[in-house]
N, C-alpha and C. Protein backbone atom coordinates (compact mmCIF):
# COMPACT_ATOMS: atom_id res chain seq x y z
N UNK A 1 92.72 127.40 175.30
CA UNK A 1 93.75 126.57 175.90
C UNK A 1 95.01 127.40 176.07
N UNK A 2 95.57 127.34 177.25
CA UNK A 2 96.86 127.97 177.50
C UNK A 2 97.94 126.91 177.33
N UNK A 3 99.05 127.30 176.68
CA UNK A 3 100.16 126.38 176.44
C UNK A 3 101.44 126.99 176.97
N UNK A 4 102.24 126.18 177.64
CA UNK A 4 103.50 126.63 178.24
C UNK A 4 104.60 125.66 177.85
N UNK A 5 105.81 126.18 177.80
CA UNK A 5 107.01 125.33 177.71
C UNK A 5 107.82 125.63 178.95
N UNK A 6 108.09 124.58 179.73
CA UNK A 6 108.76 124.73 181.02
C UNK A 6 110.01 123.88 181.02
N UNK A 7 111.12 124.46 181.45
CA UNK A 7 112.38 123.73 181.60
C UNK A 7 112.43 123.14 183.01
N UNK A 8 112.32 121.83 183.12
CA UNK A 8 112.36 121.14 184.41
C UNK A 8 113.81 120.88 184.81
N UNK A 9 114.02 120.73 186.11
CA UNK A 9 115.32 120.39 186.71
C UNK A 9 116.37 121.48 186.53
N UNK A 10 115.94 122.72 186.43
CA UNK A 10 116.89 123.82 186.29
C UNK A 10 116.24 125.11 186.73
N UNK A 11 117.06 126.12 187.02
CA UNK A 11 116.55 127.46 187.24
C UNK A 11 117.13 128.42 186.20
N UNK A 12 117.72 127.86 185.14
CA UNK A 12 118.35 128.65 184.07
C UNK A 12 117.55 128.47 182.78
N UNK A 13 117.14 129.57 182.15
CA UNK A 13 116.40 129.44 180.89
C UNK A 13 117.18 128.65 179.84
N UNK A 14 116.46 127.86 179.07
CA UNK A 14 117.00 127.06 177.96
C UNK A 14 117.96 125.96 178.42
N UNK A 15 117.83 125.55 179.66
CA UNK A 15 118.60 124.42 180.21
C UNK A 15 117.60 123.41 180.74
N UNK A 16 118.07 122.33 181.30
CA UNK A 16 117.19 121.35 181.91
C UNK A 16 116.48 120.49 180.88
N UNK A 17 115.30 120.02 181.23
CA UNK A 17 114.53 119.12 180.39
C UNK A 17 113.19 119.77 180.07
N UNK A 18 113.01 120.28 178.85
CA UNK A 18 111.77 120.99 178.53
C UNK A 18 110.57 120.07 178.35
N UNK A 19 109.41 120.56 178.76
CA UNK A 19 108.15 119.85 178.57
C UNK A 19 107.08 120.87 178.22
N UNK A 20 106.15 120.44 177.38
CA UNK A 20 104.98 121.27 177.10
C UNK A 20 103.93 121.01 178.17
N UNK A 21 103.18 122.06 178.49
CA UNK A 21 102.06 121.94 179.43
C UNK A 21 100.88 122.68 178.81
N UNK A 22 99.77 121.97 178.62
CA UNK A 22 98.57 122.56 178.04
C UNK A 22 97.44 122.51 179.05
N UNK A 23 96.90 123.67 179.38
CA UNK A 23 95.75 123.78 180.27
C UNK A 23 94.51 123.69 179.39
N UNK A 24 93.86 122.54 179.41
CA UNK A 24 92.74 122.26 178.52
C UNK A 24 91.45 122.82 179.10
N UNK A 25 90.73 123.59 178.29
CA UNK A 25 89.45 124.17 178.73
C UNK A 25 88.25 123.42 178.17
N UNK A 26 88.43 122.77 177.02
CA UNK A 26 87.36 121.99 176.40
C UNK A 26 87.92 120.62 176.03
N UNK A 27 87.05 119.65 175.93
CA UNK A 27 87.47 118.29 175.63
C UNK A 27 88.23 118.23 174.31
N UNK A 28 89.39 117.59 174.33
CA UNK A 28 90.19 117.37 173.13
C UNK A 28 90.23 115.88 172.82
N UNK A 29 90.23 115.55 171.55
CA UNK A 29 90.37 114.14 171.17
C UNK A 29 91.82 113.72 171.36
N UNK A 30 92.03 112.41 171.43
CA UNK A 30 93.38 111.89 171.51
C UNK A 30 94.20 112.36 170.31
N UNK A 31 93.58 112.35 169.13
CA UNK A 31 94.28 112.76 167.91
C UNK A 31 94.70 114.23 168.00
N UNK A 32 93.84 115.10 168.54
CA UNK A 32 94.19 116.52 168.66
C UNK A 32 95.34 116.71 169.64
N UNK A 33 95.33 115.98 170.77
CA UNK A 33 96.44 116.09 171.72
C UNK A 33 97.73 115.61 171.09
N UNK A 34 97.67 114.55 170.31
CA UNK A 34 98.86 114.07 169.61
C UNK A 34 99.36 115.12 168.62
N UNK A 35 98.47 115.76 167.91
CA UNK A 35 98.87 116.80 166.94
C UNK A 35 99.50 118.00 167.65
N UNK A 36 98.97 118.37 168.78
CA UNK A 36 99.56 119.48 169.55
C UNK A 36 100.95 119.09 170.04
N UNK A 37 101.09 117.86 170.55
CA UNK A 37 102.41 117.38 171.00
C UNK A 37 103.39 117.36 169.83
N UNK A 38 102.94 116.98 168.65
CA UNK A 38 103.81 117.00 167.47
C UNK A 38 104.21 118.42 167.11
N UNK A 39 103.28 119.36 167.24
CA UNK A 39 103.58 120.76 166.93
C UNK A 39 104.60 121.33 167.91
N UNK A 40 104.44 121.02 169.20
CA UNK A 40 105.41 121.51 170.19
C UNK A 40 106.75 120.80 170.03
N UNK A 41 106.72 119.54 169.60
CA UNK A 41 107.92 118.76 169.29
C UNK A 41 108.90 118.67 170.47
N UNK A 42 108.36 118.46 171.65
CA UNK A 42 109.17 118.23 172.84
C UNK A 42 109.06 116.75 173.18
N UNK A 43 109.94 116.25 174.04
CA UNK A 43 109.88 114.82 174.34
C UNK A 43 108.51 114.46 174.91
N UNK A 44 107.92 115.31 175.74
CA UNK A 44 106.56 115.09 176.25
C UNK A 44 105.82 116.41 176.40
N UNK A 45 104.52 116.32 176.23
CA UNK A 45 103.61 117.42 176.51
C UNK A 45 102.52 116.88 177.42
N UNK A 46 102.26 117.59 178.51
CA UNK A 46 101.22 117.20 179.46
C UNK A 46 99.96 118.01 179.17
N UNK A 47 98.81 117.34 179.24
CA UNK A 47 97.52 117.98 179.06
C UNK A 47 96.78 117.90 180.38
N UNK A 48 96.41 119.07 180.93
CA UNK A 48 95.77 119.15 182.24
C UNK A 48 94.33 119.59 182.10
N UNK A 49 93.43 118.89 182.79
CA UNK A 49 92.02 119.27 182.86
C UNK A 49 91.64 119.30 184.33
N UNK A 50 91.01 120.40 184.77
CA UNK A 50 90.64 120.47 186.19
C UNK A 50 89.58 119.44 186.55
N UNK A 51 89.71 118.87 187.73
CA UNK A 51 88.71 117.97 188.28
C UNK A 51 87.81 118.79 189.21
N UNK A 52 86.83 118.18 189.81
CA UNK A 52 85.88 118.92 190.65
C UNK A 52 86.56 119.66 191.78
N UNK A 53 87.54 119.05 192.40
CA UNK A 53 88.31 119.70 193.47
C UNK A 53 89.22 120.74 192.81
N UNK A 54 89.26 121.94 193.30
CA UNK A 54 90.03 123.02 192.68
C UNK A 54 91.52 122.80 192.63
N UNK A 55 92.04 121.85 193.39
CA UNK A 55 93.48 121.61 193.37
C UNK A 55 93.83 120.25 192.78
N UNK A 56 92.90 119.67 192.00
CA UNK A 56 93.15 118.37 191.38
C UNK A 56 92.91 118.46 189.87
N UNK A 57 93.77 117.77 189.12
CA UNK A 57 93.72 117.81 187.66
C UNK A 57 93.95 116.41 187.11
N UNK A 58 93.23 116.10 186.05
CA UNK A 58 93.61 114.91 185.30
C UNK A 58 94.81 115.31 184.45
N UNK A 59 95.70 114.37 184.22
CA UNK A 59 96.91 114.66 183.44
C UNK A 59 97.13 113.51 182.46
N UNK A 60 97.41 113.90 181.22
CA UNK A 60 97.76 112.92 180.17
C UNK A 60 99.04 113.39 179.52
N UNK A 61 99.84 112.44 179.09
CA UNK A 61 101.16 112.72 178.53
C UNK A 61 101.24 112.21 177.10
N UNK A 62 101.71 113.07 176.21
CA UNK A 62 101.91 112.68 174.82
C UNK A 62 103.31 113.05 174.37
N UNK A 63 103.98 112.11 173.73
CA UNK A 63 105.20 112.40 172.99
C UNK A 63 104.74 112.76 171.59
N UNK A 64 105.63 113.20 170.70
CA UNK A 64 105.21 113.45 169.33
C UNK A 64 104.76 112.19 168.59
N UNK A 65 105.01 111.01 169.15
CA UNK A 65 104.65 109.75 168.50
C UNK A 65 103.40 109.09 169.07
N UNK A 66 103.17 109.23 170.41
CA UNK A 66 102.07 108.49 171.03
C UNK A 66 101.82 108.96 172.45
N UNK A 67 100.71 108.51 173.03
CA UNK A 67 100.45 108.76 174.44
C UNK A 67 101.32 107.83 175.27
N UNK A 68 101.82 108.34 176.39
CA UNK A 68 102.63 107.53 177.30
C UNK A 68 101.97 107.55 178.69
N UNK A 69 102.20 106.53 179.51
CA UNK A 69 101.46 106.43 180.78
C UNK A 69 101.92 107.40 181.88
N UNK A 70 103.19 107.77 181.91
CA UNK A 70 103.70 108.59 183.01
C UNK A 70 104.96 109.30 182.57
N UNK A 71 105.11 110.56 182.98
CA UNK A 71 106.33 111.32 182.68
C UNK A 71 106.64 112.24 183.85
N UNK A 72 107.76 112.00 184.50
CA UNK A 72 108.14 112.77 185.68
C UNK A 72 108.40 114.23 185.39
N UNK A 73 109.20 114.53 184.34
CA UNK A 73 109.55 115.94 184.13
C UNK A 73 108.35 116.74 183.61
N UNK A 74 107.41 116.11 182.91
CA UNK A 74 106.22 116.82 182.48
C UNK A 74 105.26 117.05 183.66
N UNK A 75 105.27 116.13 184.63
CA UNK A 75 104.47 116.34 185.84
C UNK A 75 105.06 117.49 186.65
N UNK A 76 106.37 117.52 186.77
CA UNK A 76 107.03 118.61 187.48
C UNK A 76 106.74 119.95 186.80
N UNK A 77 106.83 119.99 185.48
CA UNK A 77 106.52 121.21 184.73
C UNK A 77 105.07 121.62 184.94
N UNK A 78 104.18 120.64 184.98
CA UNK A 78 102.76 120.93 185.19
C UNK A 78 102.52 121.54 186.57
N UNK A 79 103.19 120.99 187.58
CA UNK A 79 103.06 121.55 188.93
C UNK A 79 103.54 123.00 188.95
N UNK A 80 104.64 123.27 188.30
CA UNK A 80 105.17 124.65 188.24
C UNK A 80 104.15 125.59 187.60
N UNK A 81 103.53 125.16 186.51
CA UNK A 81 102.52 125.99 185.85
C UNK A 81 101.34 126.24 186.77
N UNK A 82 100.85 125.20 187.43
CA UNK A 82 99.72 125.35 188.35
C UNK A 82 100.07 126.32 189.48
N UNK A 83 101.24 126.16 190.06
CA UNK A 83 101.65 127.04 191.16
C UNK A 83 101.79 128.48 190.69
N UNK A 84 102.30 128.68 189.49
CA UNK A 84 102.53 130.03 188.97
C UNK A 84 101.26 130.72 188.50
N UNK A 85 100.33 129.96 187.95
CA UNK A 85 99.14 130.58 187.35
C UNK A 85 97.90 130.53 188.24
N UNK A 86 97.83 129.57 189.13
CA UNK A 86 96.62 129.40 189.95
C UNK A 86 96.83 129.82 191.41
N UNK A 87 98.05 130.15 191.77
CA UNK A 87 98.32 130.60 193.13
C UNK A 87 98.21 129.52 194.18
N UNK A 88 98.29 128.27 193.77
CA UNK A 88 98.23 127.16 194.71
C UNK A 88 99.63 126.79 195.18
N UNK A 89 99.72 126.10 196.30
CA UNK A 89 101.02 125.56 196.74
C UNK A 89 100.99 124.04 196.88
N UNK A 90 99.86 123.44 196.47
CA UNK A 90 99.75 121.99 196.43
C UNK A 90 98.80 121.61 195.30
N UNK A 91 99.15 120.55 194.58
CA UNK A 91 98.31 120.09 193.48
C UNK A 91 98.34 118.57 193.44
N UNK A 92 97.22 118.01 192.99
CA UNK A 92 97.10 116.56 192.84
C UNK A 92 96.77 116.26 191.39
N UNK A 93 97.39 115.22 190.85
CA UNK A 93 97.16 114.80 189.47
C UNK A 93 96.65 113.37 189.47
N UNK A 94 95.78 113.07 188.51
CA UNK A 94 95.28 111.72 188.32
C UNK A 94 95.59 111.32 186.89
N UNK A 95 96.37 110.24 186.71
CA UNK A 95 96.77 109.80 185.37
C UNK A 95 95.73 108.86 184.78
N UNK A 96 95.92 108.50 183.53
CA UNK A 96 95.01 107.56 182.87
C UNK A 96 95.07 106.18 183.50
N UNK A 97 96.15 105.86 184.20
CA UNK A 97 96.26 104.58 184.92
C UNK A 97 95.74 104.69 186.34
N UNK A 98 95.07 105.80 186.65
CA UNK A 98 94.54 106.08 187.99
C UNK A 98 95.62 106.18 189.05
N UNK A 99 96.82 106.57 188.66
CA UNK A 99 97.86 106.89 189.64
C UNK A 99 97.58 108.28 190.18
N UNK A 100 97.67 108.42 191.47
CA UNK A 100 97.50 109.72 192.10
C UNK A 100 98.89 110.27 192.41
N UNK A 101 99.23 111.38 191.78
CA UNK A 101 100.51 112.05 191.99
C UNK A 101 100.24 113.35 192.70
N UNK A 102 101.17 113.79 193.53
CA UNK A 102 100.99 115.07 194.20
C UNK A 102 102.29 115.85 194.18
N UNK A 103 102.14 117.16 194.27
CA UNK A 103 103.29 118.06 194.32
C UNK A 103 102.97 119.21 195.28
N UNK A 104 103.99 119.62 196.00
CA UNK A 104 103.85 120.73 196.94
C UNK A 104 104.97 121.72 196.70
N UNK A 105 104.65 123.00 196.78
CA UNK A 105 105.66 124.05 196.68
C UNK A 105 106.10 124.42 198.09
N UNK A 106 107.42 124.54 198.28
CA UNK A 106 107.94 124.88 199.60
C UNK A 106 109.30 125.55 199.45
N UNK A 107 109.39 126.81 199.83
CA UNK A 107 110.65 127.55 199.81
C UNK A 107 111.37 127.49 198.46
N UNK A 108 110.63 127.71 197.38
CA UNK A 108 111.23 127.71 196.06
C UNK A 108 111.52 126.33 195.49
N UNK A 109 111.10 125.29 196.18
CA UNK A 109 111.30 123.92 195.72
C UNK A 109 109.94 123.28 195.46
N UNK A 110 109.96 122.25 194.67
CA UNK A 110 108.76 121.45 194.46
C UNK A 110 109.07 120.03 194.91
N UNK A 111 108.26 119.53 195.82
CA UNK A 111 108.40 118.18 196.33
C UNK A 111 107.29 117.35 195.69
N UNK A 112 107.68 116.25 195.05
CA UNK A 112 106.71 115.40 194.37
C UNK A 112 106.76 113.98 194.91
N UNK A 113 105.65 113.29 194.79
CA UNK A 113 105.59 111.88 195.13
C UNK A 113 105.38 111.10 193.84
N UNK A 114 106.29 110.16 193.57
CA UNK A 114 106.24 109.32 192.37
C UNK A 114 105.90 107.89 192.78
N UNK A 115 105.24 107.16 191.92
CA UNK A 115 105.01 105.74 192.24
C UNK A 115 106.29 104.93 192.07
N UNK A 116 106.42 103.91 192.88
CA UNK A 116 107.49 102.94 192.72
C UNK A 116 106.82 101.61 192.45
N UNK A 117 107.08 101.05 191.30
CA UNK A 117 106.43 99.81 190.89
C UNK A 117 107.19 98.60 191.43
N UNK A 118 106.42 97.56 191.74
CA UNK A 118 107.04 96.29 192.08
C UNK A 118 107.72 95.75 190.82
N UNK A 119 108.89 95.18 190.99
CA UNK A 119 109.60 94.62 189.84
C UNK A 119 109.97 93.17 190.09
N UNK A 120 110.22 92.48 189.00
CA UNK A 120 110.64 91.09 189.04
C UNK A 120 112.00 90.98 188.38
N UNK A 121 112.83 90.04 188.82
CA UNK A 121 114.11 89.84 188.15
C UNK A 121 113.87 89.47 186.68
N UNK A 122 114.77 89.90 185.83
CA UNK A 122 114.65 89.61 184.40
C UNK A 122 116.03 89.50 183.79
N UNK A 123 116.09 88.98 182.59
CA UNK A 123 117.32 88.92 181.83
C UNK A 123 117.26 89.99 180.74
N UNK A 124 118.32 90.75 180.61
CA UNK A 124 118.38 91.75 179.55
C UNK A 124 118.59 91.03 178.22
N UNK A 125 117.86 91.44 177.19
CA UNK A 125 118.04 90.79 175.88
C UNK A 125 119.48 91.00 175.37
N UNK A 126 120.17 89.93 175.00
CA UNK A 126 121.55 90.04 174.53
C UNK A 126 121.71 91.01 173.36
N UNK A 127 120.74 91.05 172.45
CA UNK A 127 120.83 91.97 171.31
C UNK A 127 120.80 93.43 171.77
N UNK A 128 120.01 93.73 172.79
CA UNK A 128 119.95 95.09 173.33
C UNK A 128 121.29 95.46 173.96
N UNK A 129 121.82 94.56 174.77
CA UNK A 129 123.12 94.83 175.42
C UNK A 129 124.21 95.06 174.36
N UNK A 130 124.21 94.25 173.32
CA UNK A 130 125.20 94.41 172.25
C UNK A 130 125.01 95.74 171.54
N UNK A 131 123.77 96.10 171.26
CA UNK A 131 123.50 97.37 170.56
C UNK A 131 123.94 98.57 171.38
N UNK A 132 123.82 98.46 172.71
CA UNK A 132 124.22 99.55 173.60
C UNK A 132 125.69 99.50 173.97
N UNK A 133 126.36 98.43 173.61
CA UNK A 133 127.77 98.29 173.96
C UNK A 133 127.99 97.96 175.42
N UNK A 134 126.99 97.38 176.07
CA UNK A 134 127.09 97.03 177.49
C UNK A 134 127.73 95.66 177.62
N UNK A 135 128.82 95.61 178.38
CA UNK A 135 129.56 94.35 178.53
C UNK A 135 129.19 93.62 179.82
N UNK A 136 128.77 94.34 180.86
CA UNK A 136 128.42 93.71 182.14
C UNK A 136 127.15 94.35 182.68
N UNK A 137 126.32 93.55 183.31
CA UNK A 137 125.06 94.02 183.88
C UNK A 137 125.02 93.63 185.34
N UNK A 138 124.67 94.59 186.21
CA UNK A 138 124.57 94.29 187.63
C UNK A 138 123.19 93.78 188.00
N UNK A 139 122.16 94.41 187.45
CA UNK A 139 120.80 94.07 187.86
C UNK A 139 119.84 94.44 186.74
N UNK A 140 118.88 93.59 186.49
CA UNK A 140 117.82 93.88 185.53
C UNK A 140 116.51 93.50 186.20
N UNK A 141 115.52 94.40 186.12
CA UNK A 141 114.21 94.13 186.69
C UNK A 141 113.14 94.62 185.72
N UNK A 142 111.97 94.05 185.82
CA UNK A 142 110.89 94.34 184.90
C UNK A 142 109.59 94.44 185.68
N UNK A 143 108.72 95.38 185.27
CA UNK A 143 107.40 95.47 185.86
C UNK A 143 106.37 95.05 184.83
N UNK A 144 105.57 94.06 185.15
CA UNK A 144 104.59 93.52 184.21
C UNK A 144 103.41 94.45 183.98
N UNK A 145 103.12 95.34 184.89
CA UNK A 145 101.89 96.13 184.82
C UNK A 145 102.04 97.52 184.22
N UNK A 146 103.22 97.99 183.95
CA UNK A 146 103.37 99.38 183.53
C UNK A 146 102.77 99.68 182.17
N UNK A 147 102.50 98.69 181.36
CA UNK A 147 101.91 98.92 180.05
C UNK A 147 100.42 98.59 180.02
N UNK A 148 99.84 98.28 181.17
CA UNK A 148 98.43 97.97 181.24
C UNK A 148 97.66 99.17 181.77
N UNK A 149 96.40 99.26 181.41
CA UNK A 149 95.54 100.33 181.89
C UNK A 149 94.84 99.91 183.19
N UNK A 150 95.55 99.24 184.07
CA UNK A 150 95.00 98.78 185.34
C UNK A 150 95.66 99.52 186.47
N UNK A 151 95.19 99.28 187.67
CA UNK A 151 95.81 99.90 188.84
C UNK A 151 97.13 99.19 189.14
N UNK A 152 98.28 99.82 188.86
CA UNK A 152 99.53 99.15 189.20
C UNK A 152 99.73 99.15 190.72
N UNK A 153 100.43 98.15 191.18
CA UNK A 153 100.76 98.08 192.60
C UNK A 153 101.98 98.97 192.81
N UNK A 154 101.85 99.93 193.69
CA UNK A 154 102.98 100.83 193.91
C UNK A 154 102.97 101.35 195.34
N UNK A 155 104.13 101.85 195.75
CA UNK A 155 104.24 102.55 197.02
C UNK A 155 104.75 103.95 196.70
N UNK A 156 104.79 104.81 197.68
CA UNK A 156 105.22 106.19 197.42
C UNK A 156 106.60 106.45 198.03
N UNK A 157 107.33 107.31 197.36
CA UNK A 157 108.65 107.71 197.81
C UNK A 157 108.82 109.17 197.44
N UNK A 158 109.45 109.93 198.29
CA UNK A 158 109.62 111.36 198.03
C UNK A 158 110.95 111.63 197.33
N UNK A 159 110.86 112.50 196.32
CA UNK A 159 112.05 113.00 195.64
C UNK A 159 111.94 114.52 195.67
N UNK A 160 113.03 115.19 195.82
CA UNK A 160 113.03 116.65 195.83
C UNK A 160 113.59 117.14 194.50
N UNK A 161 112.84 118.04 193.88
CA UNK A 161 113.27 118.64 192.61
C UNK A 161 113.26 120.15 192.77
N UNK A 162 114.12 120.81 192.07
CA UNK A 162 114.27 122.25 192.21
C UNK A 162 113.97 122.95 190.90
N UNK A 163 113.40 124.15 191.00
CA UNK A 163 113.22 125.02 189.84
C UNK A 163 114.14 126.20 189.98
């Protein structure tokens, strides 16, 4: 297994948002991925396994505490690793929620497509607002499906990120 630490959202070493990226060669248990994420001790570590198509990878995200469904900066870091080590300029990722994410390299930039979930109006819990010291709220929305292992309803939107 190859392991990398990549600083996302920056072109300066030791700045930005670091993420671990592990290129998995053999099947790892959930417990082993959690232990590796704990050892790296970054907010998230992405685990990549190649799929049948040479430019597609399954991707799983672990914090030092648990598996999480999606992480933007770890996906960006993963794309950077793929582009740097595999010589590709486009990569596709498939998450445990069956979200298809893609990234393309272009002129020193990485362009990614993130899902946008449908949301419903919600009320922020008063205890949370008090704990955060928030006195006024403009808008609160909630997505019912983001914690389920089902196909969330989403559309695509482009964001540009730089390395």
